[in-house]
Amino acid sequence: MPERRALPRPLLPLGVATFAAALGGFLLTLAFPSTSWWPLAFPAVALALLALIGRRTWAAVLVGFAFGVVFFLVNVSFTARYLGPVPWLALSIFEAVLTAAGALPIALAYRWLPRRAPGRTARLVLLPVLVAGLWTMREQVLGSWPYGGFPWGRVGISQVNGPFAQVASWVGVSGLSFLVVFVCAAAIEYVRIARFRDVRTMLPALVGVAVMLVPQFPTTPAGSMRVGAVQGNGPTGYFDHRRPGEVLNAQLDATAPLIGEPMDVLLWPEGGVDSDPTSDATTAAALDGLSAEVGAPLIVSAITERGDDLFNSSLLWQADAPHNPVAVYDKRHPVPFGEYVPDRPFYRFFAPDLIDLVQREYTPGTNPPVFEVNGVGVGLAICFDVIYDDVIWDGARGGAEVYMFQTNNADFRGTDENLQQLAFARMAAIETGRSVVNISTVGTSQMIAPDGREIAGLPADTAGALLHDVPLRTGLTPAVIAGPAITVLLGWGSAAAIAVLGLLVWAPWRRQPRARNDDAGPDGTGIA
């Protein structure tokens, strides 16, 4: 039987590693809007990884938690804007716990792979690939579980303003996260190996340069569409005092400058209609009249009721249609604890006052996120939907030539939540090679070109209207075609790889006594 090697010493003492991980979490928040210092994602990830090298079980969990709790406390601080610290702390700590659990496989990779493949090439290639895959797997878990997950803080989104963003059109946001972490992990091994004359150690730099030089995947121009989009800045917040019809009137007032202007479609934001036009004749008549005045169909948003179910819906409305709405898309991903309360009796036991604030229970939609507007496919997403890959990919596969996203950021006025969400909209444009019109009730709103550049915009807390020709595109990017496969490969593939690696490491010594470890550092007992 092979002789068991002693455990490697951690690169950093536990106290220093915990501080480094926390600093990494803070630096990563600065890579996201509103600061948008995208290069800081690289030292942030590097610090998080350095802190995990050589760690045992509970030390790895502690380091992972320090990284996650600092990142989420800052990144989602907007959740405390109106509801106070309890939802903010609950969300941040829960996400940090999942981040801590996801740090353990990464620490195992740093321990196990060098045992089975100690060569220089394995250290420079296989180890960074496995580490980056496990990091991406962790993002996927956070983005899908529980209650649909919360894919808000993915490393790939932080690169929307940088030279790596166009790679998302080839490998999607998960693939971009993987590449950023791979470059960081490979750079760490480059320094650790310290064989700078060996050409193999040039790999991190070569990968980084190659990724920056990759152009955006070209989609096919298909003309343009003249889009009007209106930000009414009405009282649409959860706690805003408003009279019946006040939000609708704010939207109508902000639309007035567009009357008489030629357009192909008029877009209103989520919450732009404060009554159900499918059952309220007065609201339906107002929309009929507006569509006739502008000479174009409307895409509006309202809460609709069908039987016992409530939906947050996007409605295609046209004055001369035999029946309105012409088409309906229901929000696929309602916000847990915002638009519905999962397991209500359980959570109400802990915070009845907060849980009882959410009176309505919205049902997730199942219909395709695409409208056909005068022969043009329009992809859709309602607010929280935009952070989920499945909605964006399904829109492109369903024939979308342009995207129109509707959102309401009123509950987060004065925070950078609207800018963080806008980053997802811009990344969706790059990933799919399509224009995006992202209209908010209160801002920030933008029309975005297929390469992610701003065509036109409206600042927050300002009533106004946009009217521009936006490019139409056809053809699917590799990210849209292969996105699900890439997600499975990086997620389940990494999980399978670390499991197999664990078997290879432990099997030869399964019945051997535990070897004494004199240089593993003072960070407690735990994993090999």
Protein backbone atom coordinates (compact mmCIF):
# COMPACT_ATOMS: atom_id res chain seq x y z
CA MET A 1 0.00 0.00 0.00
CA PRO A 2 1.25 3.49 -0.79
CA GLU A 3 2.46 5.56 2.09
CA ARG A 4 0.12 8.33 3.03
CA ARG A 5 1.49 11.85 2.59
CA ALA A 6 1.24 14.41 5.39
CA LEU A 7 -1.33 17.14 4.91
CA PRO A 8 0.01 20.34 3.36
CA ARG A 9 0.41 23.38 5.53
CA PRO A 10 -2.14 26.18 4.88
CA LEU A 11 -0.66 29.12 3.03
CA LEU A 12 -2.10 31.56 5.58
CA PRO A 13 -2.74 31.30 9.32
CA LEU A 14 -6.43 30.91 10.02
CA GLY A 15 -6.91 34.45 11.37
CA VAL A 16 -5.15 35.98 8.38
CA ALA A 17 -7.06 33.71 6.00
CA THR A 18 -10.41 34.72 7.49
CA PHE A 19 -9.53 38.39 7.11
CA ALA A 20 -8.31 37.80 3.54
CA ALA A 21 -11.54 36.04 2.64
CA ALA A 22 -13.64 38.84 4.14
CA LEU A 23 -11.57 41.39 2.23
CA GLY A 24 -12.11 39.37 -0.92
CA GLY A 25 -15.86 39.45 -0.36
CA PHE A 26 -15.77 43.22 0.05
CA LEU A 27 -13.62 43.73 -3.06
CA LEU A 28 -16.01 41.61 -5.09
CA THR A 29 -18.90 43.92 -4.18
CA LEU A 30 -16.93 46.81 -5.69
CA ALA A 31 -16.77 44.96 -9.00
CA PHE A 32 -20.57 45.19 -9.27
CA PRO A 33 -22.66 48.34 -9.91
CA SER A 34 -22.81 51.04 -8.81
CA THR A 35 -19.03 51.12 -8.36
CA SER A 36 -18.46 48.74 -11.31
CA TRP A 37 -14.70 48.38 -10.77
CA TRP A 38 -14.70 45.10 -12.68
CA PRO A 39 -10.92 44.38 -12.33
CA LEU A 40 -11.38 43.97 -8.58
CA ALA A 41 -13.15 40.66 -9.19
CA PHE A 42 -9.75 39.10 -9.86
CA PRO A 43 -8.00 39.96 -6.57
CA ALA A 44 -11.29 39.23 -4.77
CA VAL A 45 -11.45 35.69 -6.13
CA ALA A 46 -7.71 35.20 -5.60
CA LEU A 47 -7.96 36.17 -1.92
CA ALA A 48 -10.88 33.79 -1.41
CA LEU A 49 -8.90 30.93 -2.98
CA LEU A 50 -5.64 31.67 -1.14
CA ALA A 51 -7.55 31.57 2.13
CA LEU A 52 -8.82 28.04 1.34
CA ILE A 53 -5.55 26.38 0.35
CA GLY A 54 -4.56 23.80 2.98
CA ARG A 55 -7.66 24.32 5.12
CA ARG A 56 -9.43 21.57 7.00
CA THR A 57 -13.18 21.12 7.32
CA TRP A 58 -14.34 23.71 9.81
CA ALA A 59 -11.59 26.16 8.94
CA ALA A 60 -12.66 25.99 5.27
CA VAL A 61 -16.28 26.55 6.29
CA LEU A 62 -15.29 29.54 8.45
CA VAL A 63 -13.24 31.09 5.64
CA GLY A 64 -16.05 30.51 3.13
CA PHE A 65 -18.56 32.06 5.50
CA ALA A 66 -16.38 35.14 6.02
CA PHE A 67 -16.18 35.66 2.27
CA GLY A 68 -19.90 35.09 1.72
CA VAL A 69 -21.27 37.12 4.62
CA VAL A 70 -19.26 40.24 3.80
CA PHE A 71 -20.11 39.98 0.10
CA PHE A 72 -23.85 39.52 0.59
CA LEU A 73 -24.22 42.00 3.46
CA VAL A 74 -22.91 44.71 1.15
CA ASN A 75 -24.21 43.47 -2.20
CA VAL A 76 -27.85 43.03 -1.13
CA SER A 77 -27.98 45.82 1.44
CA PHE A 78 -30.79 47.33 -0.65
CA THR A 79 -33.16 44.74 0.87
CA ALA A 80 -33.09 46.70 4.13
CA ARG A 81 -34.31 49.91 2.45
CA TYR A 82 -37.93 49.64 3.57
CA LEU A 83 -38.31 46.45 5.58
CA GLY A 84 -35.42 46.98 7.98
CA PRO A 85 -32.54 44.69 8.93
CA VAL A 86 -34.34 41.36 9.41
CA PRO A 87 -34.87 40.39 5.72
CA TRP A 88 -31.42 41.76 4.83
CA LEU A 89 -29.66 39.80 7.56
CA ALA A 90 -31.69 36.65 6.93
CA LEU A 91 -30.94 36.64 3.20
CA SER A 92 -27.27 37.55 3.64
CA ILE A 93 -26.58 34.98 6.35
CA PHE A 94 -28.44 32.22 4.53
CA GLU A 95 -26.52 32.87 1.30
CA ALA A 96 -23.29 33.03 3.31
CA VAL A 97 -24.02 29.62 4.85
CA LEU A 98 -24.48 28.14 1.37
CA THR A 99 -21.27 29.88 0.27
CA ALA A 100 -19.46 28.37 3.24
CA ALA A 101 -20.71 24.88 2.38
CA GLY A 102 -19.56 25.41 -1.21
CA ALA A 103 -16.08 26.41 0.00
CA LEU A 104 -15.45 22.93 1.39
CA PRO A 105 -15.21 21.13 -2.01
CA ILE A 106 -12.78 23.81 -3.19
CA ALA A 107 -10.58 23.23 -0.15
CA LEU A 108 -10.77 19.48 -0.83
CA ALA A 109 -9.65 20.04 -4.41
CA TYR A 110 -6.56 21.87 -3.18
CA ARG A 111 -5.75 18.96 -0.85
CA TRP A 112 -6.62 15.98 -3.00
CA LEU A 113 -5.62 16.74 -6.58
CA PRO A 114 -1.91 17.42 -5.87
CA ARG A 115 -1.75 13.99 -4.16
CA ARG A 116 -3.01 12.13 -7.21
CA ALA A 117 -1.45 14.40 -9.85
CA PRO A 118 1.54 16.21 -8.36
CA GLY A 119 3.09 17.19 -11.70
CA ARG A 120 3.50 20.78 -12.83
CA THR A 121 1.03 20.53 -15.73
CA ALA A 122 -1.68 19.15 -13.44
CA ARG A 123 -1.07 21.97 -10.96
CA LEU A 124 -1.30 24.63 -13.69
CA VAL A 125 -4.22 23.16 -15.64
CA LEU A 126 -6.21 20.43 -13.90
CA LEU A 127 -6.28 22.06 -10.46
CA PRO A 128 -7.47 25.48 -11.71
CA VAL A 129 -10.07 23.76 -13.92
CA LEU A 130 -11.45 21.81 -10.95
CA VAL A 131 -11.39 24.82 -8.61
CA ALA A 132 -13.13 27.03 -11.17
CA GLY A 133 -15.72 24.33 -11.84
CA LEU A 134 -16.47 23.93 -8.13
CA TRP A 135 -16.82 27.71 -7.71
CA THR A 136 -19.26 27.78 -10.65
CA MET A 137 -21.15 24.81 -9.18
CA ARG A 138 -21.54 26.80 -5.97
CA GLU A 139 -23.00 29.72 -7.92
CA GLN A 140 -25.46 27.36 -9.59
CA VAL A 141 -26.60 25.93 -6.26
CA LEU A 142 -27.14 29.43 -4.85
CA GLY A 143 -28.99 30.34 -8.04
CA SER A 144 -31.40 27.42 -8.00
CA TRP A 145 -32.08 26.39 -4.38
CA PRO A 146 -34.19 26.84 -2.33
CA TYR A 147 -37.41 28.32 -3.76
CA GLY A 148 -35.83 28.82 -7.17
CA GLY A 149 -32.60 30.25 -5.76
CA PHE A 150 -31.04 33.69 -5.85
CA PRO A 151 -28.51 33.96 -8.73
CA TRP A 152 -27.70 37.59 -7.91
CA GLY A 153 -23.96 37.69 -7.13
CA ARG A 154 -22.41 35.63 -9.93
CA VAL A 155 -18.83 36.59 -10.74
CA GLY A 156 -19.61 36.65 -14.46
CA ILE A 157 -22.07 39.53 -14.08
CA SER A 158 -19.33 41.68 -12.50
CA GLN A 159 -17.54 41.66 -15.88
CA VAL A 160 -20.33 43.36 -17.83
CA ASN A 161 -18.27 46.56 -18.14
CA GLY A 162 -14.97 44.82 -18.85
CA PRO A 163 -13.20 43.30 -21.85
CA PHE A 164 -14.24 39.75 -20.92
CA ALA A 165 -18.00 40.40 -21.23
CA GLN A 166 -18.24 39.36 -24.90
CA VAL A 167 -17.16 35.82 -23.95
CA ALA A 168 -20.63 35.39 -22.42
CA SER A 169 -22.04 35.10 -25.96
CA TRP A 170 -20.02 31.88 -26.32
CA VAL A 171 -20.24 30.25 -22.89
CA GLY A 172 -22.93 32.17 -20.98
CA VAL A 173 -22.64 33.80 -17.57
CA SER A 174 -21.72 30.54 -15.85
CA GLY A 175 -18.96 29.96 -18.36
CA LEU A 176 -17.68 33.50 -17.83
CA SER A 177 -17.62 32.94 -14.05
CA PHE A 178 -15.64 29.76 -14.68
CA LEU A 179 -13.05 31.55 -16.84
CA VAL A 180 -12.52 34.38 -14.34
CA VAL A 181 -11.97 31.92 -11.48
CA PHE A 182 -9.76 29.73 -13.67
CA VAL A 183 -7.45 32.65 -14.48
CA CYS A 184 -7.19 33.50 -10.77
CA ALA A 185 -6.56 29.90 -9.70
CA ALA A 186 -3.98 29.35 -12.45
CA ALA A 187 -2.19 32.58 -11.55
CA ILE A 188 -1.95 31.40 -7.93
CA GLU A 189 -0.33 28.13 -9.04
CA TYR A 190 2.01 30.05 -11.34
CA VAL A 191 3.36 31.92 -8.31
CA ARG A 192 3.36 28.88 -6.02
CA ILE A 193 5.32 26.73 -8.44
CA ALA A 194 7.84 29.56 -9.04
CA ARG A 195 9.32 28.05 -12.18
CA PHE A 196 9.02 31.17 -14.27
CA ARG A 197 11.25 29.98 -17.13
CA ASP A 198 9.04 26.96 -17.77
CA VAL A 199 6.80 27.83 -20.73
CA ARG A 200 3.94 25.92 -19.11
CA THR A 201 3.74 28.54 -16.39
CA MET A 202 2.73 31.10 -19.00
CA LEU A 203 -0.71 29.47 -19.25
CA PRO A 204 -2.60 31.88 -16.94
CA ALA A 205 -1.43 34.93 -18.87
CA LEU A 206 -2.13 33.26 -22.23
CA VAL A 207 -5.66 32.28 -21.21
CA GLY A 208 -6.37 35.80 -19.94
CA VAL A 209 -5.14 37.41 -23.15
CA ALA A 210 -7.01 34.91 -25.31
CA VAL A 211 -10.28 35.52 -23.48
CA MET A 212 -9.94 39.30 -23.91
CA LEU A 213 -9.35 38.87 -27.65
CA VAL A 214 -12.40 36.66 -28.27
CA PRO A 215 -15.00 38.74 -30.15
CA GLN A 216 -18.71 38.62 -29.43
CA PHE A 217 -20.47 35.91 -31.41
CA PRO A 218 -22.09 37.61 -34.42
CA THR A 219 -25.86 37.39 -34.75
CA THR A 220 -27.61 38.36 -37.99
CA PRO A 221 -29.03 41.89 -38.49
CA ALA A 222 -32.78 41.79 -39.26
CA GLY A 223 -33.73 45.47 -39.55
CA SER A 224 -34.94 47.64 -36.72
CA MET A 225 -38.00 48.34 -34.59
CA ARG A 226 -39.09 51.78 -33.42
CA VAL A 227 -39.83 51.42 -29.73
CA GLY A 228 -41.39 53.90 -27.35
CA ALA A 229 -40.75 53.21 -23.65
CA VAL A 230 -42.21 55.19 -20.75
CA GLN A 231 -40.98 55.64 -17.17
CA GLY A 232 -43.89 57.22 -15.31
CA ASN A 233 -42.19 57.63 -11.89
CA GLY A 234 -45.53 57.05 -10.20
CA PRO A 235 -46.14 55.93 -6.59
CA THR A 236 -45.48 52.25 -7.24
CA GLY A 237 -43.64 51.24 -4.07
CA TYR A 238 -45.09 48.73 -1.65
CA PHE A 239 -45.59 51.39 1.02
CA ASP A 240 -46.39 54.31 -1.29
CA HIS A 241 -49.70 56.05 -0.58
CA ARG A 242 -51.70 56.36 -3.79
CA ARG A 243 -55.21 56.91 -5.03
CA PRO A 244 -56.87 54.44 -7.43
CA GLY A 245 -55.62 55.05 -10.95
CA GLU A 246 -52.75 57.32 -9.86
CA VAL A 247 -50.05 55.02 -11.26
CA LEU A 248 -51.93 54.63 -14.55
CA ASN A 249 -52.32 58.39 -14.82
CA ALA A 250 -48.61 58.93 -14.15
CA GLN A 251 -47.81 56.60 -17.03
CA LEU A 252 -50.32 58.34 -19.31
CA ASP A 253 -48.87 61.75 -18.47
CA ALA A 254 -45.33 60.59 -19.21
CA THR A 255 -46.52 59.05 -22.48
CA ALA A 256 -48.10 62.31 -23.72
CA PRO A 257 -44.93 63.58 -25.53
CA LEU A 258 -44.97 60.45 -27.69
CA ILE A 259 -48.50 60.97 -28.99
CA GLY A 260 -48.33 61.58 -32.73
CA GLU A 261 -44.83 60.10 -33.05
CA PRO A 262 -44.55 57.04 -35.31
CA MET A 263 -43.62 53.86 -33.48
CA ASP A 264 -43.96 50.09 -33.80
CA VAL A 265 -44.69 49.33 -30.15
CA LEU A 266 -45.11 51.20 -26.85
CA LEU A 267 -43.62 49.59 -23.73
CA TRP A 268 -44.67 50.29 -20.15
CA PRO A 269 -42.92 48.93 -17.02
CA GLU A 270 -43.93 46.38 -14.43
CA GLY A 271 -46.61 47.86 -12.19
CA GLY A 272 -47.43 50.58 -14.74
CA VAL A 273 -51.11 49.65 -14.60
CA ASP A 274 -52.55 49.51 -11.09
CA SER A 275 -55.76 47.60 -11.90
CA ASP A 276 -56.50 44.50 -13.91
CA PRO A 277 -57.50 45.55 -17.45
CA THR A 278 -58.80 42.04 -18.14
CA SER A 279 -61.59 42.65 -15.62
CA ASP A 280 -61.72 46.45 -15.21
CA ALA A 281 -63.58 48.05 -18.11
CA THR A 282 -62.34 51.58 -17.33
CA THR A 283 -58.69 50.55 -17.45
CA ALA A 284 -59.27 48.49 -20.59
CA ALA A 285 -60.87 51.51 -22.28
CA ALA A 286 -57.89 53.70 -21.32
CA LEU A 287 -55.49 51.22 -22.91
CA ASP A 288 -57.69 50.91 -26.02
CA GLY A 289 -57.66 54.68 -26.39
CA LEU A 290 -53.90 54.96 -25.87
CA SER A 291 -53.16 52.23 -28.42
CA ALA A 292 -55.38 54.01 -30.94
CA GLU A 293 -53.69 57.37 -30.25
CA VAL A 294 -50.15 56.10 -30.72
CA GLY A 295 -51.15 53.87 -33.61
CA ALA A 296 -49.23 50.90 -32.19
CA PRO A 297 -49.73 47.94 -29.87
CA LEU A 298 -48.89 48.27 -26.18
CA ILE A 299 -46.89 45.97 -23.95
CA VAL A 300 -48.07 46.74 -20.42
CA SER A 301 -47.90 44.98 -17.06
CA ALA A 302 -50.63 44.34 -14.51
CA ILE A 303 -51.70 41.91 -11.82
CA THR A 304 -54.23 39.55 -13.39
CA GLU A 305 -56.55 37.01 -11.84
CA ARG A 306 -57.66 33.72 -13.37
CA GLY A 307 -59.81 31.58 -11.14
CA ASP A 308 -58.16 31.43 -7.73
CA ASP A 309 -54.71 32.29 -9.09
CA LEU A 310 -52.98 35.67 -9.23
CA PHE A 311 -50.28 36.41 -11.79
CA ASN A 312 -47.81 39.21 -12.40
CA SER A 313 -48.47 39.53 -16.11
CA SER A 314 -47.16 41.18 -19.23
CA LEU A 315 -50.00 41.96 -21.66
CA LEU A 316 -49.93 42.66 -25.39
CA TRP A 317 -52.75 45.14 -26.01
CA GLN A 318 -53.94 46.44 -29.39
CA ALA A 319 -56.85 48.78 -30.04
CA ASP A 320 -58.13 47.09 -33.20
CA ALA A 321 -57.77 43.54 -31.89
CA PRO A 322 -60.94 41.42 -31.72
CA HIS A 323 -60.02 40.49 -28.16
CA ASN A 324 -57.59 41.96 -25.62
CA PRO A 325 -55.12 41.11 -24.38
CA VAL A 326 -53.78 39.65 -27.60
CA ALA A 327 -51.15 37.66 -25.68
CA VAL A 328 -50.11 37.15 -22.06
CA TYR A 329 -46.84 36.26 -20.38
CA ASP A 330 -46.94 35.52 -16.64
CA LYS A 331 -43.82 36.10 -14.55
CA ARG A 332 -42.03 32.78 -14.31
CA HIS A 333 -40.04 33.54 -11.15
CA PRO A 334 -42.12 35.46 -8.57
CA VAL A 335 -39.98 36.80 -5.72
CA PRO A 336 -40.03 34.55 -2.63
CA PHE A 337 -41.11 36.55 0.46
CA GLY A 338 -41.92 39.48 -1.85
CA GLU A 339 -44.62 38.17 -4.19
CA TYR A 340 -45.43 34.98 -2.32
CA VAL A 341 -44.42 33.31 0.93
CA PRO A 342 -43.27 29.69 0.67
CA ASP A 343 -44.06 27.57 3.71
CA ARG A 344 -45.96 30.51 5.19
CA PRO A 345 -46.92 28.91 8.55
CA PHE A 346 -43.28 28.06 9.29
CA TYR A 347 -41.87 31.53 8.57
CA ARG A 348 -44.82 33.31 10.13
CA PHE A 349 -43.94 31.66 13.44
CA PHE A 350 -40.61 33.57 13.47
CA ALA A 351 -41.66 36.94 11.98
CA PRO A 352 -45.45 37.29 11.80
CA ASP A 353 -45.47 41.05 11.23
CA LEU A 354 -43.13 40.83 8.25
CA ILE A 355 -44.74 37.75 6.73
CA ASP A 356 -48.23 39.24 7.03
CA LEU A 357 -47.14 42.21 4.93
CA VAL A 358 -47.20 39.90 1.90
CA GLN A 359 -50.93 39.44 1.42
CA ARG A 360 -50.96 38.18 -2.15
CA GLU A 361 -49.66 34.83 -3.40
CA TYR A 362 -48.56 35.06 -7.02
CA THR A 363 -48.50 31.89 -9.10
CA PRO A 364 -45.47 31.18 -11.34
CA GLY A 365 -46.24 31.41 -15.03
CA THR A 366 -45.70 28.62 -17.53
CA ASN A 367 -46.32 30.34 -20.88
CA PRO A 368 -43.43 31.16 -23.27
CA PRO A 369 -41.65 34.50 -22.67
CA VAL A 370 -42.20 35.74 -26.23
CA PHE A 371 -44.77 37.94 -27.98
CA GLU A 372 -45.17 38.37 -31.73
CA VAL A 373 -45.62 42.09 -32.41
CA ASN A 374 -46.38 42.86 -36.05
CA GLY A 375 -44.32 39.89 -37.15
CA VAL A 376 -41.37 40.62 -34.82
CA GLY A 377 -40.51 38.24 -31.98
CA VAL A 378 -40.21 40.13 -28.67
CA GLY A 379 -38.57 38.33 -25.74
CA LEU A 380 -39.89 39.15 -22.27
CA ALA A 381 -38.82 39.14 -18.65
CA ILE A 382 -40.55 40.75 -15.69
CA CYS A 383 -38.19 42.18 -13.05
CA PHE A 384 -36.79 39.22 -11.05
CA ASP A 385 -37.06 37.04 -14.18
CA VAL A 386 -34.09 38.79 -15.77
CA ILE A 387 -31.55 37.17 -13.45
CA TYR A 388 -32.54 33.65 -14.55
CA ASP A 389 -30.85 32.08 -17.56
CA ASP A 390 -33.84 29.91 -18.49
CA VAL A 391 -36.11 32.90 -19.20
CA ILE A 392 -33.50 34.61 -21.39
CA TRP A 393 -32.57 31.44 -23.28
CA ASP A 394 -36.22 30.44 -23.82
CA GLY A 395 -36.95 33.87 -25.28
CA ALA A 396 -34.17 33.59 -27.87
CA ARG A 397 -35.09 30.01 -28.74
CA GLY A 398 -38.74 31.07 -29.08
CA GLY A 399 -37.91 33.53 -31.84
CA ALA A 400 -37.12 36.76 -29.99
CA GLU A 401 -35.36 39.33 -32.20
CA VAL A 402 -35.33 41.92 -29.42
CA TYR A 403 -35.97 41.82 -25.67
CA MET A 404 -38.28 44.07 -23.68
CA PHE A 405 -37.86 43.83 -19.90
CA GLN A 406 -40.37 45.38 -17.49
CA THR A 407 -39.41 46.16 -13.91
CA ASN A 408 -40.40 48.19 -10.87
CA ASN A 409 -37.56 49.31 -8.57
CA ALA A 410 -39.66 51.63 -6.40
CA ASP A 411 -39.12 49.58 -3.24
CA PHE A 412 -35.38 50.17 -3.56
CA ARG A 413 -35.25 53.90 -4.26
CA GLY A 414 -31.96 55.43 -3.19
CA THR A 415 -30.00 52.16 -3.52
CA ASP A 416 -27.98 50.61 -6.34
CA GLU A 417 -30.42 47.71 -6.81
CA ASN A 418 -31.68 49.19 -10.09
CA LEU A 419 -28.13 49.43 -11.47
CA GLN A 420 -27.30 45.87 -10.43
CA GLN A 421 -30.43 44.63 -12.17
CA LEU A 422 -29.58 46.72 -15.23
CA ALA A 423 -26.23 44.89 -15.37
CA PHE A 424 -28.16 41.64 -15.86
CA ALA A 425 -30.12 43.25 -18.70
CA ARG A 426 -26.90 44.40 -20.38
CA MET A 427 -25.35 40.96 -19.99
CA ALA A 428 -28.48 39.41 -21.52
CA ALA A 429 -27.97 41.63 -24.56
CA ILE A 430 -24.34 40.50 -24.92
CA GLU A 431 -25.09 36.85 -24.22
CA THR A 432 -27.88 36.61 -26.82
CA GLY A 433 -26.64 39.20 -29.33
CA ARG A 434 -29.93 41.10 -29.17
CA SER A 435 -31.06 44.59 -28.23
CA VAL A 436 -32.75 45.03 -24.87
CA VAL A 437 -35.23 47.69 -23.80
CA ASN A 438 -35.21 47.68 -20.00
CA ILE A 439 -37.96 49.98 -18.69
CA SER A 440 -38.52 50.65 -15.00
CA THR A 441 -41.42 52.38 -13.30
CA VAL A 442 -39.01 54.69 -11.46
CA GLY A 443 -35.63 54.03 -13.20
CA THR A 444 -32.95 53.51 -14.15
CA SER A 445 -34.19 52.66 -17.68
CA GLN A 446 -32.13 52.00 -20.80
CA MET A 447 -32.28 50.92 -24.40
CA ILE A 448 -29.28 48.63 -24.90
CA ALA A 449 -27.56 47.62 -28.15
CA PRO A 450 -26.73 43.95 -28.89
CA ASP A 451 -23.14 44.55 -27.78
CA GLY A 452 -24.22 45.93 -24.40
CA ARG A 453 -23.72 49.62 -25.19
CA GLU A 454 -26.37 52.14 -24.12
CA ILE A 455 -28.51 53.54 -26.93
CA ALA A 456 -30.55 55.84 -24.71
CA GLY A 457 -31.53 56.05 -21.08
CA LEU A 458 -33.52 57.72 -18.32
CA PRO A 459 -32.13 58.35 -14.83
CA ALA A 460 -33.84 57.17 -11.67
CA ASP A 461 -36.70 59.13 -10.08
CA THR A 462 -37.50 60.98 -13.31
CA ALA A 463 -40.64 60.77 -15.42
CA GLY A 464 -39.82 60.53 -19.10
CA ALA A 465 -40.10 58.67 -22.37
CA LEU A 466 -37.69 57.12 -24.85
CA LEU A 467 -38.31 56.71 -28.58
CA HIS A 468 -35.62 55.10 -30.72
CA ASP A 469 -34.99 52.57 -33.46
CA VAL A 470 -33.45 49.49 -31.89
CA PRO A 471 -31.65 46.84 -33.97
CA LEU A 472 -33.29 43.47 -34.53
CA ARG A 473 -31.18 40.31 -34.69
CA THR A 474 -31.74 36.65 -35.57
CA GLY A 475 -29.59 33.58 -35.04
CA LEU A 476 -28.67 31.88 -31.79
CA THR A 477 -25.37 32.35 -29.97
CA PRO A 478 -23.43 29.33 -28.67
CA ALA A 479 -24.37 30.45 -25.14
CA VAL A 480 -28.07 30.06 -25.94
CA ILE A 481 -27.63 26.77 -27.81
CA ALA A 482 -25.24 25.12 -25.38
CA GLY A 483 -26.08 27.02 -22.19
CA PRO A 484 -27.90 24.16 -20.43
CA ALA A 485 -25.16 21.70 -21.38
CA ILE A 486 -22.45 24.06 -20.14
CA THR A 487 -24.33 24.48 -16.87
CA VAL A 488 -24.63 20.71 -16.39
CA LEU A 489 -20.99 20.12 -17.36
CA LEU A 490 -19.60 22.74 -14.99
CA GLY A 491 -21.98 21.94 -12.14
CA TRP A 492 -22.55 18.18 -12.09
CA GLY A 493 -19.24 17.55 -13.86
CA SER A 494 -17.32 19.29 -11.07
CA ALA A 495 -19.32 17.47 -8.41
CA ALA A 496 -18.57 14.14 -10.06
CA ALA A 497 -14.89 15.03 -10.44
CA ILE A 498 -14.38 15.89 -6.77
CA ALA A 499 -16.26 12.72 -5.75
CA VAL A 500 -14.07 10.53 -7.97
CA LEU A 501 -10.97 12.31 -6.75
CA GLY A 502 -11.98 11.65 -3.15
CA LEU A 503 -12.36 7.94 -3.88
CA LEU A 504 -8.94 7.83 -5.51
CA VAL A 505 -7.33 9.56 -2.55
CA TRP A 506 -9.00 7.57 0.21
CA ALA A 507 -9.38 4.10 -1.29
CA PRO A 508 -5.72 2.93 -0.91
CA TRP A 509 -5.69 3.87 2.78
CA ARG A 510 -9.24 2.97 3.72
CA ARG A 511 -8.08 0.51 6.38
CA GLN A 512 -4.86 2.29 7.32
CA PRO A 513 -4.42 4.19 10.61
CA ARG A 514 -4.45 7.95 10.33
CA ALA A 515 -1.00 9.38 9.64
CA ARG A 516 0.47 11.93 12.00
CA ASN A 517 0.48 15.43 10.54
CA ASP A 518 3.13 17.70 11.95
CA ASP A 519 2.81 20.60 9.53
CA ALA A 520 -0.87 21.04 8.78
CA GLY A 521 -1.22 24.24 10.77
CA PRO A 522 -3.35 25.07 13.79
CA ASP A 523 -6.75 25.21 12.09
CA GLY A 524 -8.35 22.25 13.80
CA THR A 525 -9.19 18.72 12.70
CA GLY A 526 -11.15 17.58 9.72
CA ILE A 527 -10.62 16.76 6.08
CA ALA A 528 -7.66 15.15 4.44
